[in-house]
């Protein structure tokens, strides 16, 4: 059985959540990197976390364009920072 995939509305809802999570992880990474070595485990894991969110956003954006080519937009998964919470 095939999974249902996201509707365009679901893509538009999850995008903002992921962008907000990514921004928060990046801010935490910068804060921790100022106090601990970037190559140390304290900062390194936060760096990997925000990079993983970026990879997920990229894959979801690709899925959105495959599944909704007429409605998809690059601003869905990469919204302007002023529109984020």
N, C-alpha and C. Protein backbone atom coordinates (compact mmCIF):
# COMPACT_ATOMS: atom_id res chain seq x y z
N UNK A 1 0.84 -1.19 0.00
CA UNK A 1 0.00 0.00 0.00
C UNK A 1 0.89 1.25 0.00
N UNK A 2 0.57 2.17 -0.87
CA UNK A 2 1.32 3.42 -0.98
C UNK A 2 0.88 4.40 0.09
N UNK A 3 1.84 5.08 0.68
CA UNK A 3 1.50 6.10 1.67
C UNK A 3 0.89 7.30 0.96
N UNK A 4 0.07 8.09 1.66
CA UNK A 4 -0.72 9.12 1.00
C UNK A 4 0.05 10.35 0.51
N UNK A 5 1.26 10.61 1.01
CA UNK A 5 2.04 11.81 0.68
C UNK A 5 1.35 13.06 1.23
N UNK A 6 2.08 14.15 1.26
CA UNK A 6 1.53 15.41 1.76
C UNK A 6 0.72 16.12 0.69
N UNK A 7 -0.32 16.77 1.10
CA UNK A 7 -1.01 17.72 0.23
C UNK A 7 -0.15 18.98 0.20
N UNK A 8 -0.45 19.89 -0.71
CA UNK A 8 0.30 21.14 -0.75
C UNK A 8 0.09 21.92 0.55
N UNK A 9 -1.11 21.84 1.12
CA UNK A 9 -1.37 22.52 2.40
C UNK A 9 -0.51 21.95 3.52
N UNK A 10 -0.31 20.65 3.51
CA UNK A 10 0.54 20.03 4.54
C UNK A 10 2.00 20.45 4.35
N UNK A 11 2.45 20.53 3.11
CA UNK A 11 3.80 21.02 2.86
C UNK A 11 3.94 22.45 3.39
N UNK A 12 2.95 23.28 3.13
CA UNK A 12 3.01 24.67 3.57
C UNK A 12 2.96 24.81 5.08
N UNK A 13 2.36 23.86 5.76
CA UNK A 13 2.31 23.90 7.22
C UNK A 13 3.64 23.45 7.84
N UNK A 14 4.18 22.36 7.33
CA UNK A 14 5.41 21.82 7.92
C UNK A 14 6.62 22.68 7.60
N UNK A 15 6.58 23.39 6.49
CA UNK A 15 7.73 24.21 6.10
C UNK A 15 8.10 25.23 7.16
N UNK A 16 7.13 25.93 7.67
CA UNK A 16 7.41 26.97 8.66
C UNK A 16 7.94 26.37 9.95
N UNK A 17 7.40 25.23 10.32
CA UNK A 17 7.88 24.56 11.53
C UNK A 17 9.34 24.16 11.38
N UNK A 18 9.69 23.58 10.23
CA UNK A 18 11.07 23.17 10.01
C UNK A 18 12.01 24.37 9.93
N UNK A 19 11.59 25.42 9.28
CA UNK A 19 12.43 26.63 9.19
C UNK A 19 12.68 27.21 10.58
N UNK A 20 11.67 27.22 11.41
CA UNK A 20 11.80 27.74 12.77
C UNK A 20 12.73 26.85 13.60
N UNK A 21 12.58 25.54 13.49
CA UNK A 21 13.44 24.61 14.21
C UNK A 21 14.89 24.79 13.76
N UNK A 22 15.10 24.90 12.46
CA UNK A 22 16.44 25.06 11.91
C UNK A 22 17.07 26.35 12.43
N UNK A 23 16.31 27.44 12.42
CA UNK A 23 16.84 28.72 12.91
C UNK A 23 17.22 28.63 14.38
N UNK A 24 16.40 27.97 15.17
CA UNK A 24 16.69 27.83 16.59
C UNK A 24 17.94 26.97 16.81
N UNK A 25 18.06 25.87 16.08
CA UNK A 25 19.25 25.03 16.19
C UNK A 25 20.51 25.78 15.78
N UNK A 26 20.41 26.57 14.72
CA UNK A 26 21.56 27.35 14.27
C UNK A 26 21.96 28.38 15.33
N UNK A 27 20.98 29.06 15.92
CA UNK A 27 21.27 30.02 16.98
C UNK A 27 21.93 29.35 18.18
N UNK A 28 21.44 28.17 18.54
CA UNK A 28 22.05 27.43 19.64
C UNK A 28 23.48 27.01 19.30
N UNK A 29 23.68 26.57 18.07
CA UNK A 29 25.02 26.17 17.62
C UNK A 29 25.99 27.35 17.72
N UNK A 30 25.56 28.52 17.28
CA UNK A 30 26.42 29.70 17.36
C UNK A 30 26.74 30.03 18.81
N UNK A 31 25.72 30.01 19.67
CA UNK A 31 25.94 30.30 21.10
C UNK A 31 26.93 29.31 21.72
N UNK A 32 26.72 28.03 21.46
CA UNK A 32 27.59 27.00 22.04
C UNK A 32 29.00 27.11 21.45
N UNK A 33 29.10 27.42 20.15
CA UNK A 33 30.40 27.55 19.49
C UNK A 33 31.22 28.70 20.05
N UNK A 34 30.56 29.68 20.61
CA UNK A 34 31.28 30.80 21.22
C UNK A 34 31.89 30.41 22.57
N UNK A 35 31.36 29.36 23.17
CA UNK A 35 31.84 28.93 24.49
C UNK A 35 32.67 27.66 24.45
N UNK A 36 32.49 26.85 23.42
CA UNK A 36 33.18 25.57 23.29
C UNK A 36 33.77 25.44 21.89
N UNK A 37 34.77 24.59 21.71
CA UNK A 37 35.34 24.41 20.37
C UNK A 37 34.29 23.88 19.39
N UNK A 38 34.33 24.40 18.15
CA UNK A 38 33.39 23.95 17.12
C UNK A 38 33.52 22.46 16.83
N UNK A 39 34.74 21.96 16.94
CA UNK A 39 34.97 20.54 16.67
C UNK A 39 34.65 19.66 17.87
N UNK A 40 34.39 20.27 19.01
CA UNK A 40 34.06 19.50 20.21
C UNK A 40 32.64 18.97 20.15
N UNK A 41 32.35 17.96 20.96
CA UNK A 41 31.02 17.34 20.91
C UNK A 41 29.89 18.29 21.29
N UNK A 42 30.17 19.27 22.13
CA UNK A 42 29.11 20.20 22.55
C UNK A 42 28.52 20.94 21.37
N UNK A 43 29.37 21.44 20.49
CA UNK A 43 28.90 22.19 19.32
C UNK A 43 28.65 21.29 18.12
N UNK A 44 29.48 20.29 17.94
CA UNK A 44 29.41 19.43 16.76
C UNK A 44 28.02 18.80 16.58
N UNK A 45 27.44 18.33 17.66
CA UNK A 45 26.13 17.67 17.56
C UNK A 45 25.03 18.66 17.18
N UNK A 46 25.11 19.88 17.67
CA UNK A 46 24.13 20.89 17.27
C UNK A 46 24.30 21.26 15.80
N UNK A 47 25.56 21.32 15.35
CA UNK A 47 25.81 21.58 13.93
C UNK A 47 25.22 20.50 13.05
N UNK A 48 25.39 19.27 13.46
CA UNK A 48 24.82 18.15 12.70
C UNK A 48 23.30 18.19 12.72
N UNK A 49 22.74 18.60 13.83
CA UNK A 49 21.28 18.66 13.94
C UNK A 49 20.69 19.67 12.96
N UNK A 50 21.27 20.87 12.90
CA UNK A 50 20.69 21.84 11.97
C UNK A 50 20.97 21.46 10.52
N UNK A 51 22.11 20.81 10.26
CA UNK A 51 22.38 20.32 8.90
C UNK A 51 21.39 19.21 8.51
N UNK A 52 21.01 18.37 9.45
CA UNK A 52 20.02 17.32 9.18
C UNK A 52 18.66 17.91 8.85
N UNK A 53 18.29 18.95 9.56
CA UNK A 53 17.01 19.63 9.25
C UNK A 53 17.08 20.23 7.85
N UNK A 54 18.22 20.82 7.49
CA UNK A 54 18.38 21.35 6.13
C UNK A 54 18.21 20.27 5.07
N UNK A 55 18.79 19.11 5.32
CA UNK A 55 18.66 18.00 4.37
C UNK A 55 17.22 17.53 4.25
N UNK A 56 16.52 17.48 5.38
CA UNK A 56 15.10 17.08 5.35
C UNK A 56 14.28 18.09 4.56
N UNK A 57 14.55 19.37 4.77
CA UNK A 57 13.83 20.41 4.02
C UNK A 57 14.07 20.27 2.52
N UNK A 58 15.30 19.99 2.15
CA UNK A 58 15.64 19.83 0.74
C UNK A 58 14.89 18.64 0.13
N UNK A 59 14.86 17.52 0.84
CA UNK A 59 14.17 16.33 0.34
C UNK A 59 12.66 16.55 0.26
N UNK A 60 12.11 17.23 1.26
CA UNK A 60 10.68 17.51 1.24
C UNK A 60 10.32 18.49 0.12
N UNK A 61 11.20 19.45 -0.12
CA UNK A 61 10.96 20.38 -1.23
C UNK A 61 10.95 19.63 -2.56
N UNK A 62 11.90 18.71 -2.72
CA UNK A 62 11.93 17.91 -3.95
C UNK A 62 10.65 17.09 -4.10
N UNK A 63 10.19 16.49 -3.01
CA UNK A 63 8.95 15.72 -3.05
C UNK A 63 7.77 16.62 -3.41
N UNK A 64 7.73 17.82 -2.84
CA UNK A 64 6.64 18.75 -3.14
C UNK A 64 6.60 19.07 -4.63
N UNK A 65 7.76 19.35 -5.23
CA UNK A 65 7.79 19.68 -6.66
C UNK A 65 7.42 18.48 -7.52
N UNK A 66 7.78 17.27 -7.10
CA UNK A 66 7.38 16.08 -7.85
C UNK A 66 5.87 15.88 -7.79
N UNK A 67 5.32 16.06 -6.59
CA UNK A 67 3.91 15.74 -6.36
C UNK A 67 2.96 16.89 -6.70
N UNK A 68 3.44 18.13 -6.64
CA UNK A 68 2.61 19.31 -6.89
C UNK A 68 3.38 20.32 -7.74
N UNK A 69 3.74 19.94 -8.97
CA UNK A 69 4.60 20.81 -9.78
C UNK A 69 3.98 22.17 -10.09
N UNK A 70 2.70 22.26 -10.19
CA UNK A 70 2.05 23.53 -10.51
C UNK A 70 1.94 24.45 -9.30
N UNK A 71 1.87 23.88 -8.11
CA UNK A 71 1.66 24.67 -6.90
C UNK A 71 2.94 24.89 -6.10
N UNK A 72 3.96 24.09 -6.36
CA UNK A 72 5.20 24.19 -5.59
C UNK A 72 5.91 25.50 -5.81
N UNK A 73 6.64 25.93 -4.79
CA UNK A 73 7.41 27.16 -4.85
C UNK A 73 8.62 27.02 -3.93
N UNK A 74 9.73 27.61 -4.31
CA UNK A 74 10.91 27.54 -3.45
C UNK A 74 10.70 28.26 -2.12
N UNK A 75 9.76 29.18 -2.08
CA UNK A 75 9.50 29.91 -0.83
C UNK A 75 8.73 29.07 0.18
N UNK A 76 8.24 27.89 -0.22
CA UNK A 76 7.54 27.04 0.73
C UNK A 76 8.49 26.53 1.79
N UNK A 77 9.56 25.86 1.39
CA UNK A 77 10.50 25.30 2.36
C UNK A 77 11.61 26.27 2.76
N UNK A 78 11.72 27.36 2.05
CA UNK A 78 12.71 28.38 2.39
C UNK A 78 12.02 29.75 2.45
N UNK A 79 11.13 29.91 3.45
CA UNK A 79 10.38 31.17 3.55
C UNK A 79 11.29 32.31 3.99
N UNK A 80 10.93 33.53 3.61
CA UNK A 80 11.71 34.69 4.05
C UNK A 80 11.74 34.74 5.58
N UNK A 81 12.86 35.16 6.14
CA UNK A 81 13.01 35.15 7.60
C UNK A 81 11.98 36.04 8.30
N UNK A 82 11.52 37.08 7.65
CA UNK A 82 10.55 37.97 8.30
C UNK A 82 9.17 37.34 8.47
N UNK A 83 8.90 36.23 7.78
CA UNK A 83 7.61 35.57 7.91
C UNK A 83 7.64 34.43 8.93
N UNK A 84 8.84 34.13 9.45
CA UNK A 84 8.96 33.03 10.42
C UNK A 84 8.58 33.50 11.81
N UNK A 85 8.17 32.54 12.64
CA UNK A 85 7.78 32.86 14.00
C UNK A 85 8.96 33.13 14.87
